Amino acid sequence: VMSGQDLLRMQAQTGDIFIHDAVYRYIGKLVTATRNHSLIELGVSPRGTIALAKMVQALAFLRGRKYVLPEDVEDVFLDVETHRIRMNAKARVNHVTAENVLKDILDGTQKPSVVRKQ
């Protein structure tokens, strides 16, 4: 059991998790792809983009890191964004799911390589 103070402290700490510009660009490319996809009527909104960034920070925190990796984005992208897009009529008629389209977007978007400075 966790106290409310502990939860608020943890939430504040997740905001300190570093997101590199390359990871922000990766998030931006994924979101832009949802807005330009032929089977999506309504792509991820700015609020959905912010939610994704906050979720990857929280995941990195839970994994004991002070920074976000592209893999964190991949691990939460579907969970955060599936309900935030609206498929168009063509997709609905052909029984194409939002999850399948987002998987295709994730697979088709080059993720940044992260190299640790030495």
Protein backbone atom coordinates (compact mmCIF):
# COMPACT_ATOMS: atom_id res chain seq x y z
CA VAL A 1 0.00 0.00 0.00
CA MET A 2 1.26 3.44 -0.91
CA SER A 3 0.39 6.74 0.70
CA GLY A 4 -0.86 9.68 -1.30
CA GLN A 5 2.33 11.57 -0.49
CA ASP A 6 4.46 8.72 -1.86
CA LEU A 7 2.44 8.68 -5.06
CA LEU A 8 2.76 12.44 -5.53
CA ARG A 9 6.51 12.22 -4.89
CA MET A 10 6.87 9.49 -7.51
CA GLN A 11 4.83 11.49 -10.02
CA ALA A 12 7.09 14.48 -9.49
CA GLN A 13 10.18 12.31 -9.96
CA THR A 14 8.94 10.94 -13.29
CA GLY A 15 8.90 14.49 -14.65
CA ASP A 16 12.66 14.61 -14.09
CA ILE A 17 13.31 11.64 -16.38
CA PHE A 18 15.37 12.84 -19.36
CA ILE A 19 14.03 12.50 -22.90
CA HIS A 20 16.68 13.07 -25.56
CA ASP A 21 15.76 15.22 -28.57
CA ALA A 22 16.14 12.15 -30.82
CA VAL A 23 13.48 10.33 -28.78
CA TYR A 24 11.20 13.37 -28.94
CA ARG A 25 11.65 13.39 -32.73
CA TYR A 26 10.82 9.67 -32.80
CA ILE A 27 7.61 10.33 -30.88
CA GLY A 28 6.84 13.15 -33.30
CA LYS A 29 7.37 10.91 -36.33
CA LEU A 30 5.06 8.27 -34.90
CA VAL A 31 2.35 10.81 -34.16
CA THR A 32 2.71 12.46 -37.58
CA ALA A 33 2.37 9.05 -39.22
CA THR A 34 -1.00 8.59 -37.49
CA ARG A 35 -2.16 11.91 -38.90
CA ASN A 36 -1.10 11.02 -42.45
CA HIS A 37 -2.12 7.36 -42.65
CA SER A 38 -4.65 6.48 -45.34
CA LEU A 39 -6.78 4.36 -42.98
CA ILE A 40 -6.91 6.82 -40.11
CA GLU A 41 -9.57 9.51 -40.12
CA LEU A 42 -8.33 11.26 -36.98
CA GLY A 43 -4.75 10.82 -35.78
CA VAL A 44 -3.16 11.30 -32.38
CA SER A 45 -3.80 14.75 -30.92
CA PRO A 46 -1.31 17.01 -29.16
CA ARG A 47 -2.70 15.78 -25.83
CA GLY A 48 -2.07 12.21 -26.99
CA THR A 49 1.51 13.17 -27.82
CA ILE A 50 2.01 14.63 -24.35
CA ALA A 51 0.46 11.53 -22.78
CA LEU A 52 2.92 9.33 -24.68
CA ALA A 53 5.89 11.40 -23.51
CA LYS A 54 4.72 11.26 -19.89
CA MET A 55 4.12 7.53 -20.09
CA VAL A 56 7.60 6.80 -21.43
CA GLN A 57 9.05 8.86 -18.60
CA ALA A 58 7.03 6.85 -16.09
CA LEU A 59 8.14 3.57 -17.68
CA ALA A 60 11.81 4.57 -17.56
CA PHE A 61 11.33 5.54 -13.90
CA LEU A 62 9.77 2.17 -13.10
CA ARG A 63 12.64 0.45 -14.89
CA GLY A 64 15.10 2.31 -12.66
CA ARG A 65 16.53 4.68 -15.25
CA LYS A 66 16.88 8.45 -15.33
CA TYR A 67 16.48 8.58 -19.11
CA VAL A 68 14.11 7.28 -21.79
CA LEU A 69 15.11 4.78 -24.46
CA PRO A 70 13.39 4.32 -27.84
CA GLU A 71 12.36 0.87 -26.61
CA ASP A 72 10.28 2.55 -23.91
CA VAL A 73 8.34 4.34 -26.64
CA GLU A 74 7.81 1.07 -28.51
CA ASP A 75 6.64 -0.68 -25.34
CA VAL A 76 3.84 1.79 -24.57
CA PHE A 77 2.90 3.28 -27.95
CA LEU A 78 0.02 0.90 -28.66
CA ASP A 79 -1.38 1.06 -25.13
CA VAL A 80 -1.33 4.84 -25.01
CA GLU A 81 -2.50 5.65 -28.53
CA THR A 82 -4.87 2.88 -29.71
CA HIS A 83 -7.96 4.54 -28.26
CA ARG A 84 -6.84 8.00 -29.39
CA ILE A 85 -7.24 7.48 -33.13
CA ARG A 86 -10.35 7.10 -35.28
CA MET A 87 -10.25 4.68 -38.16
CA ASN A 88 -11.91 5.73 -41.42
CA ALA A 89 -14.80 3.95 -43.14
CA LYS A 90 -12.52 1.97 -45.45
CA ALA A 91 -10.66 0.54 -42.45
CA ARG A 92 -13.88 -0.28 -40.60
CA VAL A 93 -15.41 -2.03 -43.64
CA ASN A 94 -12.24 -4.11 -44.06
CA HIS A 95 -12.07 -4.88 -40.31
CA VAL A 96 -8.69 -3.21 -39.93
CA THR A 97 -8.05 -2.46 -36.28
CA ALA A 98 -6.36 0.57 -34.79
CA GLU A 99 -3.87 -1.74 -33.13
CA ASN A 100 -2.84 -3.27 -36.46
CA VAL A 101 -2.36 0.13 -38.08
CA LEU A 102 -0.33 1.43 -35.13
CA LYS A 103 1.84 -1.70 -35.24
CA ASP A 104 2.49 -1.01 -38.94
CA ILE A 105 3.37 2.60 -38.13
CA LEU A 106 5.72 1.47 -35.37
CA ASP A 107 7.38 -1.08 -37.65
CA GLY A 108 7.70 1.44 -40.48
CA THR A 109 9.21 4.26 -38.43
CA GLN A 110 12.95 4.18 -37.94
CA LYS A 111 13.82 4.40 -34.28
CA PRO A 112 16.83 6.40 -33.21
CA SER A 113 19.95 4.59 -32.15
CA VAL A 114 21.16 5.49 -28.72
CA VAL A 115 24.89 5.51 -28.11
CA ARG A 116 26.24 6.09 -24.64
CA LYS A 117 28.99 8.69 -24.42
CA GLN A 118 32.23 7.39 -22.95
